[in-house]
Amino acid sequence: MMLMYWLAAYDEAKTMRELIAAIAGVVDEGNFYIREDGLEFSAMDESRVAMVILKMPSTIFHRYEFEPPEDGDTIIIGVNFSDLKKIMQRGKAKDGIIFSLKKEKGKTFFNVTFFRGSIDERTLQRTFALPILEIPEERINIKELQYDVLVEFSPASFLNDIISDAKIVGEDLRLITSSESKEMKFISESETGGYYEYTAPLEREDTVIQWEIKNDAEALYSIDFLRKFVRAAKVADMVRLEYSKNMPLRMTFLVGGGAELAYLLAPRLL
């Protein structure tokens, strides 16, 4: 009988590298939750202002093999993200990548393997082993949050420009959405009275894929955190913004094949 086994092979190491870097910019460590139907990661930043959630279904992987532990249906892998980010940076542009578990000398390691060619006939294979950490679980069910505003933009990099523009002027980004004007405004103000404004007409703008306004909403969020989040735009096809007055912003990056990288960010008080 095989005890607790996991292997997940993905064709593009560079996509995975960007996803890990986008997480590492926000959190220092966290848990991967490995199940039959795929992997999930969730962790909060040290200041408890932001949360990261990654979901990758098993179908996104070229090969996915899983045997649960005897006492449940989930393998929990605690990882230091600055260490993992350094490893991921060693992947080359044409490499494939394999994540797996390995037991050695009574300890279990999280293995990252880069390779070329097919998974069965691998060449140029390099493996890094990370010790698995015991990290307290922090589970927050973000499905329960109901939002007044939802807007999806494509390309996801569209948000980079807005946030980079806004950073020149101020520290916070104000989101104002009106059902009457059918507009979403992004506003940043400086302490000396200068300001930046971008207005997206939701019905006419090419970058807007879909939108829904249940109630008008205005909220304020930290630009420094938003800049860390939009790193994920490098590998995302689309980004979804959801928010309400005085509620956490949810920013979800949709990556091809069904992967989602979501961030939650606590609001600043208006």
C-alpha atoms as a PDB file:
ATOM      1  CA  MET A   1       0.000   0.000   0.000  1.00  0.00           C
ATOM      2  CA  MET A   2       1.344   3.427  -1.000  1.00  0.00           C
ATOM      3  CA  LEU A   3       1.365   6.052   1.733  1.00  0.00           C
ATOM      4  CA  MET A   4       0.895   9.778   1.019  1.00  0.00           C
ATOM      5  CA  TYR A   5       2.232  10.496  -2.435  1.00  0.00           C
ATOM      6  CA  TRP A   6       2.025  13.522  -4.714  1.00  0.00           C
ATOM      7  CA  LEU A   7       3.485  14.512  -8.073  1.00  0.00           C
ATOM      8  CA  ALA A   8       2.374  17.399 -10.282  1.00  0.00           C
ATOM      9  CA  ALA A   9       4.071  18.131 -13.618  1.00  0.00           C
ATOM     10  CA  TYR A  10       3.531  21.448 -15.399  1.00  0.00           C
ATOM     11  CA  ASP A  11       4.765  22.320 -18.885  1.00  0.00           C
ATOM     12  CA  GLU A  12       5.881  25.909 -18.305  1.00  0.00           C
ATOM     13  CA  ALA A  13       8.227  26.605 -15.401  1.00  0.00           C
ATOM     14  CA  LYS A  14       8.157  30.324 -16.237  1.00  0.00           C
ATOM     15  CA  THR A  15       4.390  30.633 -15.605  1.00  0.00           C
ATOM     16  CA  MET A  16       4.792  28.895 -12.260  1.00  0.00           C
ATOM     17  CA  ARG A  17       7.786  31.125 -11.472  1.00  0.00           C
ATOM     18  CA  GLU A  18       5.686  34.273 -11.952  1.00  0.00           C
ATOM     19  CA  LEU A  19       2.837  32.895  -9.826  1.00  0.00           C
ATOM     20  CA  ILE A  20       5.224  32.057  -6.980  1.00  0.00           C
ATOM     21  CA  ALA A  21       6.897  35.493  -7.264  1.00  0.00           C
ATOM     22  CA  ALA A  22       3.479  37.182  -7.148  1.00  0.00           C
ATOM     23  CA  ILE A  23       2.722  35.310  -3.902  1.00  0.00           C
ATOM     24  CA  ALA A  24       6.199  35.841  -2.402  1.00  0.00           C
ATOM     25  CA  GLY A  25       5.807  39.612  -2.784  1.00  0.00           C
ATOM     26  CA  VAL A  26       2.983  39.518  -0.234  1.00  0.00           C
ATOM     27  CA  VAL A  27       3.567  36.600   2.160  1.00  0.00           C
ATOM     28  CA  ASP A  28       6.668  35.066   3.759  1.00  0.00           C
ATOM     29  CA  GLU A  29       5.343  31.560   4.285  1.00  0.00           C
ATOM     30  CA  GLY A  30       2.161  29.533   3.954  1.00  0.00           C
ATOM     31  CA  ASN A  31       0.524  26.173   3.368  1.00  0.00           C
ATOM     32  CA  PHE A  32      -0.197  24.332   0.144  1.00  0.00           C
ATOM     33  CA  TYR A  33      -3.277  22.116   0.486  1.00  0.00           C
ATOM     34  CA  ILE A  34      -2.943  19.173  -1.902  1.00  0.00           C
ATOM     35  CA  ARG A  35      -6.031  17.133  -2.776  1.00  0.00           C
ATOM     36  CA  GLU A  36      -7.247  14.724  -5.431  1.00  0.00           C
ATOM     37  CA  ASP A  37      -8.791  17.552  -7.492  1.00  0.00           C
ATOM     38  CA  GLY A  38      -5.824  19.950  -7.346  1.00  0.00           C
ATOM     39  CA  LEU A  39      -3.864  22.266  -5.103  1.00  0.00           C
ATOM     40  CA  GLU A  40      -4.780  25.350  -3.143  1.00  0.00           C
ATOM     41  CA  PHE A  41      -2.608  27.809  -1.273  1.00  0.00           C
ATOM     42  CA  SER A  42      -3.706  30.434   1.245  1.00  0.00           C
ATOM     43  CA  ALA A  43      -1.862  32.745   3.617  1.00  0.00           C
ATOM     44  CA  MET A  44      -2.062  36.217   5.153  1.00  0.00           C
ATOM     45  CA  ASP A  45       0.693  38.824   5.143  1.00  0.00           C
ATOM     46  CA  GLU A  46       2.424  39.709   8.411  1.00  0.00           C
ATOM     47  CA  SER A  47       0.394  42.889   8.920  1.00  0.00           C
ATOM     48  CA  ARG A  48      -2.903  40.984   8.453  1.00  0.00           C
ATOM     49  CA  VAL A  49      -3.941  43.516   5.799  1.00  0.00           C
ATOM     50  CA  ALA A  50      -3.749  41.204   2.760  1.00  0.00           C
ATOM     51  CA  MET A  51      -4.453  37.572   1.956  1.00  0.00           C
ATOM     52  CA  VAL A  52      -3.391  35.421  -0.998  1.00  0.00           C
ATOM     53  CA  ILE A  53      -5.295  32.417  -2.362  1.00  0.00           C
ATOM     54  CA  LEU A  54      -4.041  30.290  -5.267  1.00  0.00           C
ATOM     55  CA  LYS A  55      -6.187  27.549  -6.811  1.00  0.00           C
ATOM     56  CA  MET A  56      -4.871  25.172  -9.468  1.00  0.00           C
ATOM     57  CA  PRO A  57      -7.117  22.294 -10.582  1.00  0.00           C
ATOM     58  CA  SER A  58      -5.449  18.933 -11.246  1.00  0.00           C
ATOM     59  CA  THR A  59      -6.530  19.242 -14.915  1.00  0.00           C
ATOM     60  CA  ILE A  60      -4.093  22.139 -15.484  1.00  0.00           C
ATOM     61  CA  PHE A  61      -1.132  19.810 -14.905  1.00  0.00           C
ATOM     62  CA  HIS A  62       0.430  17.629 -17.588  1.00  0.00           C
ATOM     63  CA  ARG A  63       0.515  14.824 -15.025  1.00  0.00           C
ATOM     64  CA  TYR A  64      -1.056  14.746 -11.581  1.00  0.00           C
ATOM     65  CA  GLU A  65      -0.705  11.793  -9.180  1.00  0.00           C
ATOM     66  CA  PHE A  66      -2.067  11.775  -5.646  1.00  0.00           C
ATOM     67  CA  GLU A  67      -2.363   9.337  -2.761  1.00  0.00           C
ATOM     68  CA  PRO A  68      -3.908  10.873   0.399  1.00  0.00           C
ATOM     69  CA  PRO A  69      -2.501  10.381   3.890  1.00  0.00           C
ATOM     70  CA  GLU A  70      -4.113   7.644   5.982  1.00  0.00           C
ATOM     71  CA  ASP A  71      -5.881  10.144   8.241  1.00  0.00           C
ATOM     72  CA  GLY A  72      -7.563  12.353   5.645  1.00  0.00           C
ATOM     73  CA  ASP A  73      -7.953  13.606   2.084  1.00  0.00           C
ATOM     74  CA  THR A  74      -5.422  16.476   2.193  1.00  0.00           C
ATOM     75  CA  ILE A  75      -1.631  16.730   2.226  1.00  0.00           C
ATOM     76  CA  ILE A  76      -0.515  20.000   3.871  1.00  0.00           C
ATOM     77  CA  ILE A  77       2.855  21.382   2.768  1.00  0.00           C
ATOM     78  CA  GLY A  78       4.199  24.413   4.656  1.00  0.00           C
ATOM     79  CA  VAL A  79       6.730  26.394   2.627  1.00  0.00           C
ATOM     80  CA  ASN A  80       9.001  29.423   3.088  1.00  0.00           C
ATOM     81  CA  PHE A  81       8.264  31.590   0.056  1.00  0.00           C
ATOM     82  CA  SER A  82      11.483  33.571  -0.142  1.00  0.00           C
ATOM     83  CA  ASP A  83      13.342  30.232  -0.378  1.00  0.00           C
ATOM     84  CA  LEU A  84      10.863  28.882  -2.941  1.00  0.00           C
ATOM     85  CA  LYS A  85      11.100  32.071  -5.011  1.00  0.00           C
ATOM     86  CA  LYS A  86      14.910  31.753  -5.188  1.00  0.00           C
ATOM     87  CA  ILE A  87      14.549  28.167  -6.405  1.00  0.00           C
ATOM     88  CA  MET A  88      11.918  29.113  -9.000  1.00  0.00           C
ATOM     89  CA  GLN A  89      14.248  31.767 -10.430  1.00  0.00           C
ATOM     90  CA  ARG A  90      16.643  28.975 -11.412  1.00  0.00           C
ATOM     91  CA  GLY A  91      14.128  27.647 -13.949  1.00  0.00           C
ATOM     92  CA  LYS A  92      14.974  28.349 -17.598  1.00  0.00           C
ATOM     93  CA  ALA A  93      12.526  29.655 -20.214  1.00  0.00           C
ATOM     94  CA  LYS A  94      12.001  26.261 -21.885  1.00  0.00           C
ATOM     95  CA  ASP A  95      11.964  24.128 -18.731  1.00  0.00           C
ATOM     96  CA  GLY A  96       9.093  22.022 -17.518  1.00  0.00           C
ATOM     97  CA  ILE A  97       8.595  21.684 -13.758  1.00  0.00           C
ATOM     98  CA  ILE A  98       7.603  18.909 -11.360  1.00  0.00           C
ATOM     99  CA  PHE A  99       6.441  19.413  -7.774  1.00  0.00           C
ATOM    100  CA  SER A 100       6.601  16.305  -5.582  1.00  0.00           C
ATOM    101  CA  LEU A 101       7.088  14.953  -2.078  1.00  0.00           C
ATOM    102  CA  LYS A 102      10.124  12.929  -1.084  1.00  0.00           C
ATOM    103  CA  LYS A 103      10.900  11.117   2.155  1.00  0.00           C
ATOM    104  CA  GLU A 104      14.542  10.956   3.137  1.00  0.00           C
ATOM    105  CA  LYS A 105      16.144  10.055   6.484  1.00  0.00           C
ATOM    106  CA  GLY A 106      12.738  10.149   8.167  1.00  0.00           C
ATOM    107  CA  LYS A 107      11.964  13.665   6.933  1.00  0.00           C
ATOM    108  CA  THR A 108       9.597  14.717   4.167  1.00  0.00           C
ATOM    109  CA  PHE A 109      10.739  17.307   1.624  1.00  0.00           C
ATOM    110  CA  PHE A 110       8.942  19.450  -0.940  1.00  0.00           C
ATOM    111  CA  ASN A 111      10.818  18.824  -4.187  1.00  0.00           C
ATOM    112  CA  VAL A 112      11.020  21.183  -7.178  1.00  0.00           C
ATOM    113  CA  THR A 113      12.447  19.590 -10.340  1.00  0.00           C
ATOM    114  CA  PHE A 114      13.256  21.437 -13.566  1.00  0.00           C
ATOM    115  CA  PHE A 115      13.655  19.409 -16.743  1.00  0.00           C
ATOM    116  CA  ARG A 116      13.655  19.470 -20.544  1.00  0.00           C
ATOM    117  CA  GLY A 117      11.874  17.131 -22.938  1.00  0.00           C
ATOM    118  CA  SER A 118       8.968  14.883 -22.007  1.00  0.00           C
ATOM    119  CA  ILE A 119       8.181  13.917 -18.440  1.00  0.00           C
ATOM    120  CA  ASP A 120       9.004  10.257 -19.182  1.00  0.00           C
ATOM    121  CA  GLU A 121      12.270  10.999 -21.016  1.00  0.00           C
ATOM    122  CA  ARG A 122      13.612  13.912 -19.016  1.00  0.00           C
ATOM    123  CA  THR A 123      16.979  15.543 -19.647  1.00  0.00           C
ATOM    124  CA  LEU A 124      18.837  18.391 -17.907  1.00  0.00           C
ATOM    125  CA  GLN A 125      17.015  17.439 -14.729  1.00  0.00           C
ATOM    126  CA  ARG A 126      17.753  19.468 -11.585  1.00  0.00           C
ATOM    127  CA  THR A 127      16.012  18.935  -8.240  1.00  0.00           C
ATOM    128  CA  PHE A 128      15.831  21.253  -5.226  1.00  0.00           C
ATOM    129  CA  ALA A 129      14.462  19.973  -1.899  1.00  0.00           C
ATOM    130  CA  LEU A 130      12.834  22.310   0.628  1.00  0.00           C
ATOM    131  CA  PRO A 131      12.139  21.236   4.212  1.00  0.00           C
ATOM    132  CA  ILE A 132       8.425  21.254   5.010  1.00  0.00           C
ATOM    133  CA  LEU A 133       7.442  23.728   7.736  1.00  0.00           C
ATOM    134  CA  GLU A 134       4.748  23.431  10.400  1.00  0.00           C
ATOM    135  CA  ILE A 135       2.657  26.555   9.784  1.00  0.00           C
ATOM    136  CA  PRO A 136      -0.577  27.274  11.714  1.00  0.00           C
ATOM    137  CA  GLU A 137      -3.618  27.129   9.427  1.00  0.00           C
ATOM    138  CA  GLU A 138      -5.569  30.303   8.700  1.00  0.00           C
ATOM    139  CA  ARG A 139      -8.699  29.441   6.787  1.00  0.00           C
ATOM    140  CA  ILE A 140     -10.971  32.253   5.656  1.00  0.00           C
ATOM    141  CA  ASN A 141     -13.888  31.398   3.412  1.00  0.00           C
ATOM    142  CA  ILE A 142     -13.895  34.201   0.853  1.00  0.00           C
ATOM    143  CA  LYS A 143     -16.894  32.705  -0.963  1.00  0.00           C
ATOM    144  CA  GLU A 144     -19.098  34.174   1.754  1.00  0.00           C
ATOM    145  CA  LEU A 145     -18.198  37.760   0.867  1.00  0.00           C
ATOM    146  CA  GLN A 146     -20.909  39.465  -1.201  1.00  0.00           C
ATOM    147  CA  TYR A 147     -19.873  42.446  -3.292  1.00  0.00           C
ATOM    148  CA  ASP A 148     -21.729  45.424  -4.748  1.00  0.00           C
ATOM    149  CA  VAL A 149     -19.374  45.875  -7.707  1.00  0.00           C
ATOM    150  CA  LEU A 150     -17.764  43.372 -10.078  1.00  0.00           C
ATOM    151  CA  VAL A 151     -15.688  44.425 -13.109  1.00  0.00           C
ATOM    152  CA  GLU A 152     -13.518  42.144 -15.273  1.00  0.00           C
ATOM    153  CA  PHE A 153     -10.668  43.613 -17.326  1.00  0.00           C
ATOM    154  CA  SER A 154      -8.566  42.077 -20.092  1.00  0.00           C
ATOM    155  CA  PRO A 155      -5.646  42.237 -20.622  1.00  0.00           C
ATOM    156  CA  ALA A 156      -4.861  41.997 -16.925  1.00  0.00           C
ATOM    157  CA  SER A 157      -1.810  44.240 -17.472  1.00  0.00           C
ATOM    158  CA  PHE A 158      -4.259  47.132 -18.033  1.00  0.00           C
ATOM    159  CA  LEU A 159      -4.372  47.547 -14.241  1.00  0.00           C
ATOM    160  CA  ASN A 160      -0.567  47.866 -14.014  1.00  0.00           C
ATOM    161  CA  ASP A 161      -0.653  51.167 -15.868  1.00  0.00           C
ATOM    162  CA  ILE A 162      -3.409  52.607 -13.688  1.00  0.00           C
ATOM    163  CA  ILE A 163      -1.666  51.610 -10.459  1.00  0.00           C
ATOM    164  CA  SER A 164       1.745  52.828 -11.686  1.00  0.00           C
ATOM    165  CA  ASP A 165       0.187  56.165 -12.703  1.00  0.00           C
ATOM    166  CA  ALA A 166      -1.599  56.502  -9.362  1.00  0.00           C
ATOM    167  CA  LYS A 167       1.591  55.726  -7.386  1.00  0.00           C
ATOM    168  CA  ILE A 168       3.272  58.846  -8.847  1.00  0.00           C
ATOM    169  CA  VAL A 169       0.674  60.995  -7.071  1.00  0.00           C
ATOM    170  CA  GLY A 170      -0.381  59.301  -3.826  1.00  0.00           C
ATOM    171  CA  GLU A 171      -0.342  56.338  -1.440  1.00  0.00           C
ATOM    172  CA  ASP A 172      -3.978  55.234  -1.774  1.00  0.00           C
ATOM    173  CA  LEU A 173      -6.238  54.365  -4.692  1.00  0.00           C
ATOM    174  CA  ARG A 174      -9.874  55.412  -4.443  1.00  0.00           C
ATOM    175  CA  LEU A 175     -12.387  53.303  -6.402  1.00  0.00           C
ATOM    176  CA  ILE A 176     -15.714  54.957  -7.213  1.00  0.00           C
ATOM    177  CA  THR A 177     -18.357  53.096  -9.206  1.00  0.00           C
ATOM    178  CA  SER A 178     -21.680  54.594 -10.224  1.00  0.00           C
ATOM    179  CA  SER A 179     -24.667  52.709 -11.680  1.00  0.00           C
ATOM    180  CA  GLU A 180     -26.115  55.943 -13.049  1.00  0.00           C
ATOM    181  CA  SER A 181     -23.058  56.991 -15.091  1.00  0.00           C
ATOM    182  CA  LYS A 182     -21.963  53.338 -15.626  1.00  0.00           C
ATOM    183  CA  GLU A 183     -18.403  54.326 -14.849  1.00  0.00           C
ATOM    184  CA  MET A 184     -15.610  53.107 -12.634  1.00  0.00           C
ATOM    185  CA  LYS A 185     -13.136  55.765 -11.491  1.00  0.00           C
ATOM    186  CA  PHE A 186      -9.636  55.215 -10.145  1.00  0.00           C
ATOM    187  CA  ILE A 187      -8.414  58.273  -8.200  1.00  0.00           C
ATOM    188  CA  SER A 188      -5.198  59.014  -6.333  1.00  0.00           C
ATOM    189  CA  GLU A 189      -4.602  62.222  -4.365  1.00  0.00           C
ATOM    190  CA  SER A 190      -1.375  63.753  -3.059  1.00  0.00           C
ATOM    191  CA  GLU A 191      -0.949  65.404   0.333  1.00  0.00           C
ATOM    192  CA  THR A 192      -0.340  68.723  -1.442  1.00  0.00           C
ATOM    193  CA  GLY A 193      -3.655  68.590  -3.323  1.00  0.00           C
ATOM    194  CA  GLY A 194      -2.612  67.132  -6.687  1.00  0.00           C
ATOM    195  CA  TYR A 195      -4.515  64.169  -8.047  1.00  0.00           C
ATOM    196  CA  TYR A 196      -4.677  61.496 -10.760  1.00  0.00           C
ATOM    197  CA  GLU A 197      -7.890  60.130 -12.241  1.00  0.00           C
ATOM    198  CA  TYR A 198      -8.705  57.338 -14.692  1.00  0.00           C
ATOM    199  CA  THR A 199     -12.319  56.850 -15.755  1.00  0.00           C
ATOM    200  CA  ALA A 200     -13.419  53.554 -17.322  1.00  0.00           C
ATOM    201  CA  PRO A 201     -16.792  53.822 -19.126  1.00  0.00           C
ATOM    202  CA  LEU A 202     -18.010  50.287 -18.420  1.00  0.00           C
ATOM    203  CA  GLU A 203     -20.242  49.948 -21.488  1.00  0.00           C
ATOM    204  CA  ARG A 204     -17.758  51.345 -23.995  1.00  0.00           C
ATOM    205  CA  GLU A 205     -14.263  50.472 -22.858  1.00  0.00           C
ATOM    206  CA  ASP A 206     -12.590  47.660 -24.810  1.00  0.00           C
ATOM    207  CA  THR A 207     -10.708  46.429 -21.749  1.00  0.00           C
ATOM    208  CA  VAL A 208     -13.952  45.754 -19.834  1.00  0.00           C
ATOM    209  CA  ILE A 209     -15.113  42.157 -20.378  1.00  0.00           C
ATOM    210  CA  GLN A 210     -18.106  42.188 -18.050  1.00  0.00           C
ATOM    211  CA  TRP A 211     -19.438  44.237 -15.152  1.00  0.00           C
ATOM    212  CA  GLU A 212     -22.187  44.308 -12.551  1.00  0.00           C
ATOM    213  CA  ILE A 213     -23.185  47.066 -10.113  1.00  0.00           C
ATOM    214  CA  LYS A 214     -25.658  46.066  -7.403  1.00  0.00           C
ATOM    215  CA  ASN A 215     -25.087  49.297  -5.438  1.00  0.00           C
ATOM    216  CA  ASP A 216     -22.892  52.330  -5.969  1.00  0.00           C
ATOM    217  CA  ALA A 217     -19.637  51.953  -4.058  1.00  0.00           C
ATOM    218  CA  GLU A 218     -16.609  53.958  -3.003  1.00  0.00           C
ATOM    219  CA  ALA A 219     -13.563  52.567  -1.192  1.00  0.00           C
ATOM    220  CA  LEU A 220      -9.894  53.299  -0.561  1.00  0.00           C
ATOM    221  CA  TYR A 221      -6.987  50.815  -0.805  1.00  0.00           C
ATOM    222  CA  SER A 222      -3.199  50.858  -0.333  1.00  0.00           C
ATOM    223  CA  ILE A 223      -1.326  51.362  -3.613  1.00  0.00           C
ATOM    224  CA  ASP A 224       1.790  49.610  -2.248  1.00  0.00           C
ATOM    225  CA  PHE A 225      -0.158  46.374  -1.850  1.00  0.00           C
ATOM    226  CA  LEU A 226      -1.916  46.784  -5.201  1.00  0.00           C
ATOM    227  CA  ARG A 227       1.467  47.121  -6.914  1.00  0.00           C
ATOM    228  CA  LYS A 228       2.534  43.794  -5.376  1.00  0.00           C
ATOM    229  CA  PHE A 229      -0.691  42.132  -6.536  1.00  0.00           C
ATOM    230  CA  VAL A 230      -0.465  43.210 -10.184  1.00  0.00           C
ATOM    231  CA  ARG A 231       2.786  41.283 -10.631  1.00  0.00           C
ATOM    232  CA  ALA A 232       0.430  38.370 -11.399  1.00  0.00           C
ATOM    233  CA  ALA A 233      -0.770  40.194 -14.526  1.00  0.00           C
ATOM    234  CA  LYS A 234       2.332  38.894 -16.326  1.00  0.00           C
ATOM    235  CA  VAL A 235       0.771  35.441 -16.653  1.00  0.00           C
ATOM    236  CA  ALA A 236      -2.975  36.197 -16.334  1.00  0.00           C
ATOM    237  CA  ASP A 237      -5.467  36.475 -19.200  1.00  0.00           C
ATOM    238  CA  MET A 238      -7.927  38.519 -17.187  1.00  0.00           C
ATOM    239  CA  VAL A 239      -8.377  40.247 -13.823  1.00  0.00           C
ATOM    240  CA  ARG A 240     -11.612  40.573 -11.822  1.00  0.00           C
ATOM    241  CA  LEU A 241     -12.137  43.377  -9.296  1.00  0.00           C
ATOM    242  CA  GLU A 242     -14.842  43.036  -6.639  1.00  0.00           C
ATOM    243  CA  TYR A 243     -15.505  45.519  -3.859  1.00  0.00           C
ATOM    244  CA  SER A 244     -18.060  47.295  -1.667  1.00  0.00           C
ATOM    245  CA  LYS A 245     -17.853  50.289   0.637  1.00  0.00           C
ATOM    246  CA  ASN A 246     -15.608  49.589   3.653  1.00  0.00           C
ATOM    247  CA  MET A 247     -15.072  45.956   2.597  1.00  0.00           C
ATOM    248  CA  PRO A 248     -11.944  44.097   1.490  1.00  0.00           C
ATOM    249  CA  LEU A 249     -11.137  44.380  -2.201  1.00  0.00           C
ATOM    250  CA  ARG A 250     -10.938  41.037  -3.992  1.00  0.00           C
ATOM    251  CA  MET A 251      -8.622  41.018  -7.014  1.00  0.00           C
ATOM    252  CA  THR A 252      -8.648  37.720  -8.923  1.00  0.00           C
ATOM    253  CA  PHE A 253      -6.202  36.915 -11.730  1.00  0.00           C
ATOM    254  CA  LEU A 254      -7.425  34.211 -14.113  1.00  0.00           C
ATOM    255  CA  VAL A 255      -4.632  32.142 -15.643  1.00  0.00           C
ATOM    256  CA  GLY A 256      -5.196  29.854 -18.648  1.00  0.00           C
ATOM    257  CA  GLY A 257      -6.446  26.351 -17.890  1.00  0.00           C
ATOM    258  CA  GLY A 258      -8.525  27.263 -14.849  1.00  0.00           C
ATOM    259  CA  ALA A 259      -5.920  28.513 -12.354  1.00  0.00           C
ATOM    260  CA  GLU A 260      -6.877  31.491 -10.168  1.00  0.00           C
ATOM    261  CA  LEU A 261      -4.699  33.716  -8.026  1.00  0.00           C
ATOM    262  CA  ALA A 262      -6.827  35.902  -5.733  1.00  0.00           C
ATOM    263  CA  TYR A 263      -5.879  38.646  -3.302  1.00  0.00           C
ATOM    264  CA  LEU A 264      -7.943  40.179  -0.512  1.00  0.00           C
ATOM    265  CA  LEU A 265      -6.989  43.650   0.722  1.00  0.00           C
ATOM    266  CA  ALA A 266      -8.474  45.408   3.746  1.00  0.00           C
ATOM    267  CA  PRO A 267      -9.817  48.908   3.009  1.00  0.00           C
ATOM    268  CA  ARG A 268      -8.453  52.179   4.342  1.00  0.00           C
ATOM    269  CA  LEU A 269     -11.076  54.200   6.170  1.00  0.00           C
ATOM    270  CA  LEU A 270     -12.714  56.871   4.012  1.00  0.00           C
END
